[in-house]
Full PDB file with SEQRES, HELIX, SHEET, SSBOND, CRYST1, ORIGX, SCALE, CONECT and MASTER records, all heavy atoms in Angstrom:
SEQRES   1 A   40  GLU ALA VAL GLU LYS GLU MET ALA TYR TYR SER ASN HIS          
SEQRES   2 A   40  PHE SER GLY GLU THR VAL THR SER VAL PHE ILE GLY GLY          
SEQRES   3 A   40  GLY THR PRO SER VAL LEU THR GLY PRO GLN LEU LYS LYS          
SEQRES   4 A   40  LEU                                                          
HELIX    1 AA1 ALA A    2  HIS A   13  1                                  12    
HELIX    2 AA2 PRO A   29  VAL A   31  5                                   3    
HELIX    3 AA3 GLY A   34  LYS A   39  1                                   6    
CRYST1    1.000    1.000    1.000  90.00  90.00  90.00 P 1           1          
ORIGX1      1.000000  0.000000  0.000000        0.00000                         
ORIGX2      0.000000  1.000000  0.000000        0.00000                         
ORIGX3      0.000000  0.000000  1.000000        0.00000                         
SCALE1      1.000000  0.000000  0.000000        0.00000                         
SCALE2      0.000000  1.000000  0.000000        0.00000                         
SCALE3      0.000000  0.000000  1.000000        0.00000                         
ATOM      1  N   GLU A   1      96.039  90.996 103.876  1.00  0.00           N  
ATOM      2  CA  GLU A   1      95.875  91.840 105.113  1.00  0.00           C  
ATOM      3  C   GLU A   1      94.438  91.640 105.605  1.00  0.00           C  
ATOM      4  O   GLU A   1      94.189  91.551 106.813  1.00  0.00           O  
ATOM      5  CB  GLU A   1      96.214  93.243 104.835  1.00  0.00           C  
ATOM      6  CG  GLU A   1      97.680  93.570 104.530  1.00  0.00           C  
ATOM      7  CD  GLU A   1      97.888  94.950 104.036  1.00  0.00           C  
ATOM      8  OE1 GLU A   1      96.907  95.812 104.129  1.00  0.00           O  
ATOM      9  OE2 GLU A   1      99.085  95.371 103.721  1.00  0.00           O  
ATOM     10  N   ALA A   2      93.440  91.658 104.651  1.00  0.00           N  
ATOM     11  CA  ALA A   2      92.091  91.532 105.138  1.00  0.00           C  
ATOM     12  C   ALA A   2      91.841  90.119 105.703  1.00  0.00           C  
ATOM     13  O   ALA A   2      91.056  89.953 106.696  1.00  0.00           O  
ATOM     14  CB  ALA A   2      91.142  91.783 103.894  1.00  0.00           C  
ATOM     15  N   VAL A   3      92.383  89.156 105.063  1.00  0.00           N  
ATOM     16  CA  VAL A   3      92.329  87.754 105.634  1.00  0.00           C  
ATOM     17  C   VAL A   3      92.852  87.658 106.999  1.00  0.00           C  
ATOM     18  O   VAL A   3      92.325  87.031 107.947  1.00  0.00           O  
ATOM     19  CB  VAL A   3      93.091  86.774 104.632  1.00  0.00           C  
ATOM     20  CG1 VAL A   3      93.274  85.420 105.329  1.00  0.00           C  
ATOM     21  CG2 VAL A   3      92.223  86.548 103.352  1.00  0.00           C  
ATOM     22  N   GLU A   4      93.987  88.278 107.261  1.00  0.00           N  
ATOM     23  CA  GLU A   4      94.595  88.351 108.576  1.00  0.00           C  
ATOM     24  C   GLU A   4      93.637  89.024 109.617  1.00  0.00           C  
ATOM     25  O   GLU A   4      93.415  88.547 110.694  1.00  0.00           O  
ATOM     26  CB  GLU A   4      95.910  89.116 108.573  1.00  0.00           C  
ATOM     27  CG  GLU A   4      96.643  89.223 109.940  1.00  0.00           C  
ATOM     28  CD  GLU A   4      97.828  90.101 109.976  1.00  0.00           C  
ATOM     29  OE1 GLU A   4      98.046  90.732 108.944  1.00  0.00           O  
ATOM     30  OE2 GLU A   4      98.455  90.225 111.059  1.00  0.00           O  
ATOM     31  N   LYS A   5      92.984  90.032 109.133  1.00  0.00           N  
ATOM     32  CA  LYS A   5      92.050  90.710 110.121  1.00  0.00           C  
ATOM     33  C   LYS A   5      90.856  89.909 110.419  1.00  0.00           C  
ATOM     34  O   LYS A   5      90.360  89.833 111.541  1.00  0.00           O  
ATOM     35  CB  LYS A   5      91.673  92.088 109.524  1.00  0.00           C  
ATOM     36  CG  LYS A   5      92.730  93.199 109.455  1.00  0.00           C  
ATOM     37  CD  LYS A   5      92.217  94.414 108.729  1.00  0.00           C  
ATOM     38  CE  LYS A   5      93.346  95.435 108.630  1.00  0.00           C  
ATOM     39  NZ  LYS A   5      92.833  96.710 107.886  1.00  0.00           N  
ATOM     40  N   GLU A   6      90.408  89.233 109.392  1.00  0.00           N  
ATOM     41  CA  GLU A   6      89.157  88.331 109.564  1.00  0.00           C  
ATOM     42  C   GLU A   6      89.579  87.179 110.465  1.00  0.00           C  
ATOM     43  O   GLU A   6      88.833  86.888 111.450  1.00  0.00           O  
ATOM     44  CB  GLU A   6      88.612  87.841 108.309  1.00  0.00           C  
ATOM     45  CG  GLU A   6      87.355  87.072 108.435  1.00  0.00           C  
ATOM     46  CD  GLU A   6      86.780  86.363 107.198  1.00  0.00           C  
ATOM     47  OE1 GLU A   6      87.540  86.348 106.197  1.00  0.00           O  
ATOM     48  OE2 GLU A   6      85.561  86.079 107.260  1.00  0.00           O  
ATOM     49  N   MET A   7      90.725  86.652 110.352  1.00  0.00           N  
ATOM     50  CA  MET A   7      91.180  85.494 111.253  1.00  0.00           C  
ATOM     51  C   MET A   7      91.254  86.025 112.619  1.00  0.00           C  
ATOM     52  O   MET A   7      90.961  85.347 113.659  1.00  0.00           O  
ATOM     53  CB  MET A   7      92.492  84.900 110.740  1.00  0.00           C  
ATOM     54  CG  MET A   7      92.238  84.044 109.504  1.00  0.00           C  
ATOM     55  SD  MET A   7      93.677  83.007 109.016  1.00  0.00           S  
ATOM     56  CE  MET A   7      94.980  84.174 108.606  1.00  0.00           C  
ATOM     57  N   ALA A   8      91.912  87.207 112.770  1.00  0.00           N  
ATOM     58  CA  ALA A   8      92.029  87.742 114.157  1.00  0.00           C  
ATOM     59  C   ALA A   8      90.695  87.934 114.895  1.00  0.00           C  
ATOM     60  O   ALA A   8      90.545  87.731 116.005  1.00  0.00           O  
ATOM     61  CB  ALA A   8      92.780  89.052 114.043  1.00  0.00           C  
ATOM     62  N   TYR A   9      89.726  88.385 114.022  1.00  0.00           N  
ATOM     63  CA  TYR A   9      88.266  88.605 114.530  1.00  0.00           C  
ATOM     64  C   TYR A   9      87.787  87.328 115.137  1.00  0.00           C  
ATOM     65  O   TYR A   9      87.221  87.224 116.224  1.00  0.00           O  
ATOM     66  CB  TYR A   9      87.451  89.255 113.549  1.00  0.00           C  
ATOM     67  CG  TYR A   9      85.947  89.278 113.857  1.00  0.00           C  
ATOM     68  CD1 TYR A   9      85.545  90.252 114.713  1.00  0.00           C  
ATOM     69  CD2 TYR A   9      85.071  88.320 113.433  1.00  0.00           C  
ATOM     70  CE1 TYR A   9      84.097  90.222 115.059  1.00  0.00           C  
ATOM     71  CE2 TYR A   9      83.765  88.309 113.844  1.00  0.00           C  
ATOM     72  CZ  TYR A   9      83.259  89.324 114.660  1.00  0.00           C  
ATOM     73  OH  TYR A   9      81.972  89.307 114.921  1.00  0.00           O  
ATOM     74  N   TYR A  10      87.887  86.298 114.316  1.00  0.00           N  
ATOM     75  CA  TYR A  10      87.281  85.022 114.692  1.00  0.00           C  
ATOM     76  C   TYR A  10      88.120  84.238 115.735  1.00  0.00           C  
ATOM     77  O   TYR A  10      87.527  83.480 116.477  1.00  0.00           O  
ATOM     78  CB  TYR A  10      87.049  84.081 113.457  1.00  0.00           C  
ATOM     79  CG  TYR A  10      85.833  84.533 112.649  1.00  0.00           C  
ATOM     80  CD1 TYR A  10      85.962  85.094 111.346  1.00  0.00           C  
ATOM     81  CD2 TYR A  10      84.518  84.498 113.187  1.00  0.00           C  
ATOM     82  CE1 TYR A  10      84.924  85.486 110.586  1.00  0.00           C  
ATOM     83  CE2 TYR A  10      83.387  84.842 112.434  1.00  0.00           C  
ATOM     84  CZ  TYR A  10      83.638  85.365 111.210  1.00  0.00           C  
ATOM     85  OH  TYR A  10      82.554  85.727 110.417  1.00  0.00           O  
ATOM     86  N   SER A  11      89.363  84.583 115.846  1.00  0.00           N  
ATOM     87  CA  SER A  11      90.204  83.889 116.833  1.00  0.00           C  
ATOM     88  C   SER A  11      89.684  84.224 118.193  1.00  0.00           C  
ATOM     89  O   SER A  11      89.787  83.354 119.140  1.00  0.00           O  
ATOM     90  CB  SER A  11      91.596  84.405 116.754  1.00  0.00           C  
ATOM     91  OG  SER A  11      91.786  85.786 117.159  1.00  0.00           O  
ATOM     92  N   ASN A  12      89.046  85.383 118.508  1.00  0.00           N  
ATOM     93  CA  ASN A  12      88.451  85.635 119.771  1.00  0.00           C  
ATOM     94  C   ASN A  12      87.194  84.821 120.033  1.00  0.00           C  
ATOM     95  O   ASN A  12      86.873  84.634 121.214  1.00  0.00           O  
ATOM     96  CB  ASN A  12      88.188  87.169 119.860  1.00  0.00           C  
ATOM     97  CG  ASN A  12      89.364  88.054 119.696  1.00  0.00           C  
ATOM     98  OD1 ASN A  12      90.465  87.698 120.268  1.00  0.00           O  
ATOM     99  ND2 ASN A  12      89.317  89.197 119.008  1.00  0.00           N  
ATOM    100  N   HIS A  13      86.477  84.529 118.948  1.00  0.00           N  
ATOM    101  CA  HIS A  13      85.248  83.770 119.133  1.00  0.00           C  
ATOM    102  C   HIS A  13      85.451  82.267 119.304  1.00  0.00           C  
ATOM    103  O   HIS A  13      84.601  81.594 119.819  1.00  0.00           O  
ATOM    104  CB  HIS A  13      84.283  84.005 117.960  1.00  0.00           C  
ATOM    105  CG  HIS A  13      83.817  85.392 117.788  1.00  0.00           C  
ATOM    106  ND1 HIS A  13      84.537  86.520 117.526  1.00  0.00           N  
ATOM    107  CD2 HIS A  13      82.548  85.873 118.045  1.00  0.00           C  
ATOM    108  CE1 HIS A  13      83.822  87.601 117.594  1.00  0.00           C  
ATOM    109  NE2 HIS A  13      82.517  87.258 117.835  1.00  0.00           N  
ATOM    110  N   PHE A  14      86.673  81.828 118.721  1.00  0.00           N  
ATOM    111  CA  PHE A  14      86.850  80.348 118.815  1.00  0.00           C  
ATOM    112  C   PHE A  14      88.255  80.038 119.503  1.00  0.00           C  
ATOM    113  O   PHE A  14      88.913  79.117 119.056  1.00  0.00           O  
ATOM    114  CB  PHE A  14      86.925  79.813 117.369  1.00  0.00           C  
ATOM    115  CG  PHE A  14      85.667  79.999 116.569  1.00  0.00           C  
ATOM    116  CD1 PHE A  14      85.499  81.072 115.629  1.00  0.00           C  
ATOM    117  CD2 PHE A  14      84.470  79.307 116.895  1.00  0.00           C  
ATOM    118  CE1 PHE A  14      84.274  81.169 114.910  1.00  0.00           C  
ATOM    119  CE2 PHE A  14      83.245  79.415 116.248  1.00  0.00           C  
ATOM    120  CZ  PHE A  14      83.141  80.377 115.289  1.00  0.00           C  
ATOM    121  N   SER A  15      88.520  80.771 120.486  1.00  0.00           N  
ATOM    122  CA  SER A  15      89.809  80.573 121.182  1.00  0.00           C  
ATOM    123  C   SER A  15      89.842  79.253 121.864  1.00  0.00           C  
ATOM    124  O   SER A  15      91.052  78.698 122.046  1.00  0.00           O  
ATOM    125  CB  SER A  15      89.948  81.697 122.298  1.00  0.00           C  
ATOM    126  OG  SER A  15      88.907  81.645 123.167  1.00  0.00           O  
ATOM    127  N   GLY A  16      88.717  78.607 122.140  1.00  0.00           N  
ATOM    128  CA  GLY A  16      88.729  77.334 122.804  1.00  0.00           C  
ATOM    129  C   GLY A  16      88.736  76.173 121.849  1.00  0.00           C  
ATOM    130  O   GLY A  16      88.814  74.938 122.228  1.00  0.00           O  
ATOM    131  N   GLU A  17      88.551  76.436 120.566  1.00  0.00           N  
ATOM    132  CA  GLU A  17      88.399  75.417 119.568  1.00  0.00           C  
ATOM    133  C   GLU A  17      89.863  75.007 119.025  1.00  0.00           C  
ATOM    134  O   GLU A  17      90.665  75.836 118.928  1.00  0.00           O  
ATOM    135  CB  GLU A  17      87.620  75.984 118.427  1.00  0.00           C  
ATOM    136  CG  GLU A  17      86.175  76.183 118.782  1.00  0.00           C  
ATOM    137  CD  GLU A  17      85.268  75.008 118.824  1.00  0.00           C  
ATOM    138  OE1 GLU A  17      85.728  73.950 118.418  1.00  0.00           O  
ATOM    139  OE2 GLU A  17      84.165  75.156 119.293  1.00  0.00           O  
ATOM    140  N   THR A  18      89.858  73.667 118.655  1.00  0.00           N  
ATOM    141  CA  THR A  18      90.987  73.170 118.008  1.00  0.00           C  
ATOM    142  C   THR A  18      90.663  72.941 116.523  1.00  0.00           C  
ATOM    143  O   THR A  18      89.694  72.261 116.236  1.00  0.00           O  
ATOM    144  CB  THR A  18      91.574  71.867 118.696  1.00  0.00           C  
ATOM    145  OG1 THR A  18      91.996  72.182 119.998  1.00  0.00           O  
ATOM    146  CG2 THR A  18      92.620  71.290 117.809  1.00  0.00           C  
ATOM    147  N   VAL A  19      91.479  73.444 115.653  1.00  0.00           N  
ATOM    148  CA  VAL A  19      91.302  73.211 114.222  1.00  0.00           C  
ATOM    149  C   VAL A  19      91.913  71.910 113.834  1.00  0.00           C  
ATOM    150  O   VAL A  19      93.201  71.737 114.011  1.00  0.00           O  
ATOM    151  CB  VAL A  19      91.922  74.457 113.396  1.00  0.00           C  
ATOM    152  CG1 VAL A  19      91.804  74.074 111.814  1.00  0.00           C  
ATOM    153  CG2 VAL A  19      91.236  75.710 113.680  1.00  0.00           C  
ATOM    154  N   THR A  20      91.165  70.989 113.350  1.00  0.00           N  
ATOM    155  CA  THR A  20      91.622  69.629 112.993  1.00  0.00           C  
ATOM    156  C   THR A  20      92.086  69.471 111.561  1.00  0.00           C  
ATOM    157  O   THR A  20      92.845  68.636 111.258  1.00  0.00           O  
ATOM    158  CB  THR A  20      90.593  68.585 113.282  1.00  0.00           C  
ATOM    159  OG1 THR A  20      89.401  68.911 112.637  1.00  0.00           O  
ATOM    160  CG2 THR A  20      90.293  68.539 114.796  1.00  0.00           C  
ATOM    161  N   SER A  21      91.551  70.410 110.637  1.00  0.00           N  
ATOM    162  CA  SER A  21      92.044  70.363 109.273  1.00  0.00           C  
ATOM    163  C   SER A  21      91.816  71.696 108.682  1.00  0.00           C  
ATOM    164  O   SER A  21      91.001  72.417 109.109  1.00  0.00           O  
ATOM    165  CB  SER A  21      91.227  69.267 108.491  1.00  0.00           C  
ATOM    166  OG  SER A  21      89.870  69.766 108.235  1.00  0.00           O  
ATOM    167  N   VAL A  22      92.731  72.077 107.711  1.00  0.00           N  
ATOM    168  CA  VAL A  22      92.766  73.266 106.976  1.00  0.00           C  
ATOM    169  C   VAL A  22      92.742  72.997 105.537  1.00  0.00           C  
ATOM    170  O   VAL A  22      93.497  72.122 105.039  1.00  0.00           O  
ATOM    171  CB  VAL A  22      93.988  74.243 107.331  1.00  0.00           C  
ATOM    172  CG1 VAL A  22      93.962  75.432 106.557  1.00  0.00           C  
ATOM    173  CG2 VAL A  22      94.116  74.426 108.838  1.00  0.00           C  
ATOM    174  N   PHE A  23      91.934  73.740 104.669  1.00  0.00           N  
ATOM    175  CA  PHE A  23      91.982  73.537 103.323  1.00  0.00           C  
ATOM    176  C   PHE A  23      92.122  74.930 102.700  1.00  0.00           C  
ATOM    177  O   PHE A  23      91.260  75.834 102.962  1.00  0.00           O  
ATOM    178  CB  PHE A  23      90.758  72.901 102.809  1.00  0.00           C  
ATOM    179  CG  PHE A  23      90.843  72.308 101.336  1.00  0.00           C  
ATOM    180  CD1 PHE A  23      91.144  71.039 101.141  1.00  0.00           C  
ATOM    181  CD2 PHE A  23      90.769  73.276 100.304  1.00  0.00           C  
ATOM    182  CE1 PHE A  23      91.243  70.595  99.917  1.00  0.00           C  
ATOM    183  CE2 PHE A  23      90.838  72.722  98.992  1.00  0.00           C  
ATOM    184  CZ  PHE A  23      91.119  71.345  98.854  1.00  0.00           C  
ATOM    185  N   ILE A  24      93.147  75.201 101.886  1.00  0.00           N  
ATOM    186  CA  ILE A  24      93.329  76.493 101.258  1.00  0.00           C  
ATOM    187  C   ILE A  24      92.999  76.288  99.760  1.00  0.00           C  
ATOM    188  O   ILE A  24      93.639  75.574  99.068  1.00  0.00           O  
ATOM    189  CB  ILE A  24      94.756  76.984 101.337  1.00  0.00           C  
ATOM    190  CG1 ILE A  24      95.282  77.038 102.926  1.00  0.00           C  
ATOM    191  CG2 ILE A  24      94.988  78.287 100.705  1.00  0.00           C  
ATOM    192  CD1 ILE A  24      96.671  77.266 103.109  1.00  0.00           C  
ATOM    193  N   GLY A  25      91.858  76.841  99.345  1.00  0.00           N  
ATOM    194  CA  GLY A  25      91.373  76.626  98.019  1.00  0.00           C  
ATOM    195  C   GLY A  25      91.247  77.912  97.248  1.00  0.00           C  
ATOM    196  O   GLY A  25      91.667  79.016  97.659  1.00  0.00           O  
ATOM    197  N   GLY A  26      90.808  77.720  96.020  1.00  0.00           N  
ATOM    198  CA  GLY A  26      90.679  78.857  95.150  1.00  0.00           C  
ATOM    199  C   GLY A  26      89.737  78.697  94.022  1.00  0.00           C  
ATOM    200  O   GLY A  26      88.852  77.855  94.104  1.00  0.00           O  
ATOM    201  N   GLY A  27      89.942  79.491  92.987  1.00  0.00           N  
ATOM    202  CA  GLY A  27      91.195  80.218  92.660  1.00  0.00           C  
ATOM    203  C   GLY A  27      92.338  79.329  92.648  1.00  0.00           C  
ATOM    204  O   GLY A  27      92.293  78.053  92.534  1.00  0.00           O  
ATOM    205  N   THR A  28      93.555  79.880  92.668  1.00  0.00           N  
ATOM    206  CA  THR A  28      94.820  79.215  92.541  1.00  0.00           C  
ATOM    207  C   THR A  28      95.677  79.619  93.629  1.00  0.00           C  
ATOM    208  O   THR A  28      96.515  80.625  93.499  1.00  0.00           O  
ATOM    209  CB  THR A  28      95.442  79.307  91.164  1.00  0.00           C  
ATOM    210  OG1 THR A  28      94.480  79.085  90.119  1.00  0.00           O  
ATOM    211  CG2 THR A  28      96.584  78.480  90.941  1.00  0.00           C  
ATOM    212  N   PRO A  29      95.736  79.040  94.756  1.00  0.00           N  
ATOM    213  CA  PRO A  29      96.696  79.455  95.863  1.00  0.00           C  
ATOM    214  C   PRO A  29      98.101  79.479  95.458  1.00  0.00           C  
ATOM    215  O   PRO A  29      98.833  80.288  96.064  1.00  0.00           O  
ATOM    216  CB  PRO A  29      96.473  78.389  96.952  1.00  0.00           C  
ATOM    217  CG  PRO A  29      95.026  77.872  96.639  1.00  0.00           C  
ATOM    218  CD  PRO A  29      94.845  77.963  95.247  1.00  0.00           C  
ATOM    219  N   SER A  30      98.515  78.638  94.480  1.00  0.00           N  
ATOM    220  CA  SER A  30      99.961  78.584  94.061  1.00  0.00           C  
ATOM    221  C   SER A  30     100.334  79.852  93.259  1.00  0.00           C  
ATOM    222  O   SER A  30     101.404  79.936  92.875  1.00  0.00           O  
ATOM    223  CB  SER A  30     100.241  77.342  93.327  1.00  0.00           C  
ATOM    224  OG  SER A  30      99.418  77.065  92.304  1.00  0.00           O  
ATOM    225  N   VAL A  31      99.430  80.759  92.953  1.00  0.00           N  
ATOM    226  CA  VAL A  31      99.920  82.021  92.284  1.00  0.00           C  
ATOM    227  C   VAL A  31     100.443  83.023  93.299  1.00  0.00           C  
ATOM    228  O   VAL A  31     101.094  83.988  92.991  1.00  0.00           O  
ATOM    229  CB  VAL A  31      98.712  82.723  91.533  1.00  0.00           C  
ATOM    230  CG1 VAL A  31      98.218  81.858  90.423  1.00  0.00           C  
ATOM    231  CG2 VAL A  31      97.646  83.178  92.396  1.00  0.00           C  
ATOM    232  N   LEU A  32     100.235  82.769  94.677  1.00  0.00           N  
ATOM    233  CA  LEU A  32     100.867  83.568  95.588  1.00  0.00           C  
ATOM    234  C   LEU A  32     102.459  83.377  95.578  1.00  0.00           C  
ATOM    235  O   LEU A  32     102.880  82.364  95.180  1.00  0.00           O  
ATOM    236  CB  LEU A  32     100.442  83.238  96.929  1.00  0.00           C  
ATOM    237  CG  LEU A  32      98.898  83.464  97.346  1.00  0.00           C  
ATOM    238  CD1 LEU A  32      98.588  82.989  98.697  1.00  0.00           C  
ATOM    239  CD2 LEU A  32      98.464  84.891  97.094  1.00  0.00           C  
ATOM    240  N   THR A  33     103.189  84.403  96.026  1.00  0.00           N  
ATOM    241  CA  THR A  33     104.658  84.279  96.175  1.00  0.00           C  
ATOM    242  C   THR A  33     104.906  83.464  97.397  1.00  0.00           C  
ATOM    243  O   THR A  33     104.001  83.289  98.260  1.00  0.00           O  
ATOM    244  CB  THR A  33     105.309  85.653  96.263  1.00  0.00           C  
ATOM    245  OG1 THR A  33     104.761  86.305  97.490  1.00  0.00           O  
ATOM    246  CG2 THR A  33     104.934  86.462  95.053  1.00  0.00           C  
ATOM    247  N   GLY A  34     106.175  82.964  97.478  1.00  0.00           N  
ATOM    248  CA  GLY A  34     106.569  82.357  98.717  1.00  0.00           C  
ATOM    249  C   GLY A  34     106.351  83.169  99.998  1.00  0.00           C  
ATOM    250  O   GLY A  34     105.716  82.717 100.973  1.00  0.00           O  
ATOM    251  N   PRO A  35     106.709  84.436  99.994  1.00  0.00           N  
ATOM    252  CA  PRO A  35     106.524  85.206 101.305  1.00  0.00           C  
ATOM    253  C   PRO A  35     105.051  85.544 101.500  1.00  0.00           C  
ATOM    254  O   PRO A  35     104.646  85.567 102.675  1.00  0.00           O  
ATOM    255  CB  PRO A  35     107.274  86.573 100.860  1.00  0.00           C  
ATOM    256  CG  PRO A  35     108.300  86.184  99.911  1.00  0.00           C  
ATOM    257  CD  PRO A  35     107.682  85.083  99.074  1.00  0.00           C  
ATOM    258  N   GLN A  36     104.248  85.582 100.458  1.00  0.00           N  
ATOM    259  CA  GLN A  36     102.791  85.735 100.774  1.00  0.00           C  
ATOM    260  C   GLN A  36     102.197  84.567 101.296  1.00  0.00           C  
ATOM    261  O   GLN A  36     101.294  84.607 102.240  1.00  0.00           O  
ATOM    262  CB  GLN A  36     102.051  86.131  99.443  1.00  0.00           C  
ATOM    263  CG  GLN A  36     102.354  87.499  98.915  1.00  0.00           C  
ATOM    264  CD  GLN A  36     101.848  87.773  97.505  1.00  0.00           C  
ATOM    265  OE1 GLN A  36     101.630  86.832  96.690  1.00  0.00           O  
ATOM    266  NE2 GLN A  36     101.555  89.004  97.129  1.00  0.00           N  
ATOM    267  N   LEU A  37     102.540  83.382 100.870  1.00  0.00           N  
ATOM    268  CA  LEU A  37     102.094  82.031 101.403  1.00  0.00           C  
ATOM    269  C   LEU A  37     102.608  81.995 102.840  1.00  0.00           C  
ATOM    270  O   LEU A  37     101.752  81.613 103.753  1.00  0.00           O  
ATOM    271  CB  LEU A  37     102.604  80.937 100.588  1.00  0.00           C  
ATOM    272  CG  LEU A  37     102.073  79.576 101.112  1.00  0.00           C  
ATOM    273  CD1 LEU A  37     100.467  79.465 101.122  1.00  0.00           C  
ATOM    274  CD2 LEU A  37     102.601  78.410 100.381  1.00  0.00           C  
ATOM    275  N   LYS A  38     103.829  82.317 103.072  1.00  0.00           N  
ATOM    276  CA  LYS A  38     104.296  82.233 104.510  1.00  0.00           C  
ATOM    277  C   LYS A  38     103.536  83.131 105.479  1.00  0.00           C  
ATOM    278  O   LYS A  38     103.165  82.827 106.552  1.00  0.00           O  
ATOM    279  CB  LYS A  38     105.782  82.577 104.509  1.00  0.00           C  
ATOM    280  CG  LYS A  38     106.432  82.504 105.905  1.00  0.00           C  
ATOM    281  CD  LYS A  38     107.906  82.884 105.870  1.00  0.00           C  
ATOM    282  CE  LYS A  38     108.469  82.823 107.263  1.00  0.00           C  
ATOM    283  NZ  LYS A  38     109.993  83.104 107.294  1.00  0.00           N  
ATOM    284  N   LYS A  39     103.302  84.304 104.964  1.00  0.00           N  
ATOM    285  CA  LYS A  39     102.462  85.278 105.785  1.00  0.00           C  
ATOM    286  C   LYS A  39     101.070  84.644 106.126  1.00  0.00           C  
ATOM    287  O   LYS A  39     100.624  84.672 107.295  1.00  0.00           O  
ATOM    288  CB  LYS A  39     102.331  86.531 105.057  1.00  0.00           C  
ATOM    289  CG  LYS A  39     101.281  87.538 105.774  1.00  0.00           C  
ATOM    290  CD  LYS A  39     101.050  88.840 105.030  1.00  0.00           C  
ATOM    291  CE  LYS A  39      99.881  89.571 105.589  1.00  0.00           C  
ATOM    292  NZ  LYS A  39      99.880  89.701 107.075  1.00  0.00           N  
ATOM    293  N   LEU A  40     100.419  84.165 105.159  1.00  0.00           N  
ATOM    294  CA  LEU A  40      99.115  83.508 105.312  1.00  0.00           C  
ATOM    295  C   LEU A  40      99.175  82.400 106.411  1.00  0.00           C  
ATOM    296  O   LEU A  40      98.359  82.359 107.275  1.00  0.00           O  
ATOM    297  CB  LEU A  40      98.586  82.953 103.985  1.00  0.00           C  
ATOM    298  CG  LEU A  40      97.261  82.174 104.089  1.00  0.00           C  
ATOM    299  CD1 LEU A  40      96.133  83.152 104.480  1.00  0.00           C  
ATOM    300  CD2 LEU A  40      96.993  81.515 102.741  1.00  0.00           C  
TER     301      LEU A  40                                                      
MASTER        0    0    0    3    0    0    0    6  300    1    0    4          
END                                                                             
């Protein structure tokens, strides 16, 4: 939920930017459940 809020905050600052690559790191991202990963 906090990650969603942070992304929403920055979406206003970078609305004209295109994201060319994404890296989800950790930690261990694969400990999330399927629904949690889908939400992210």
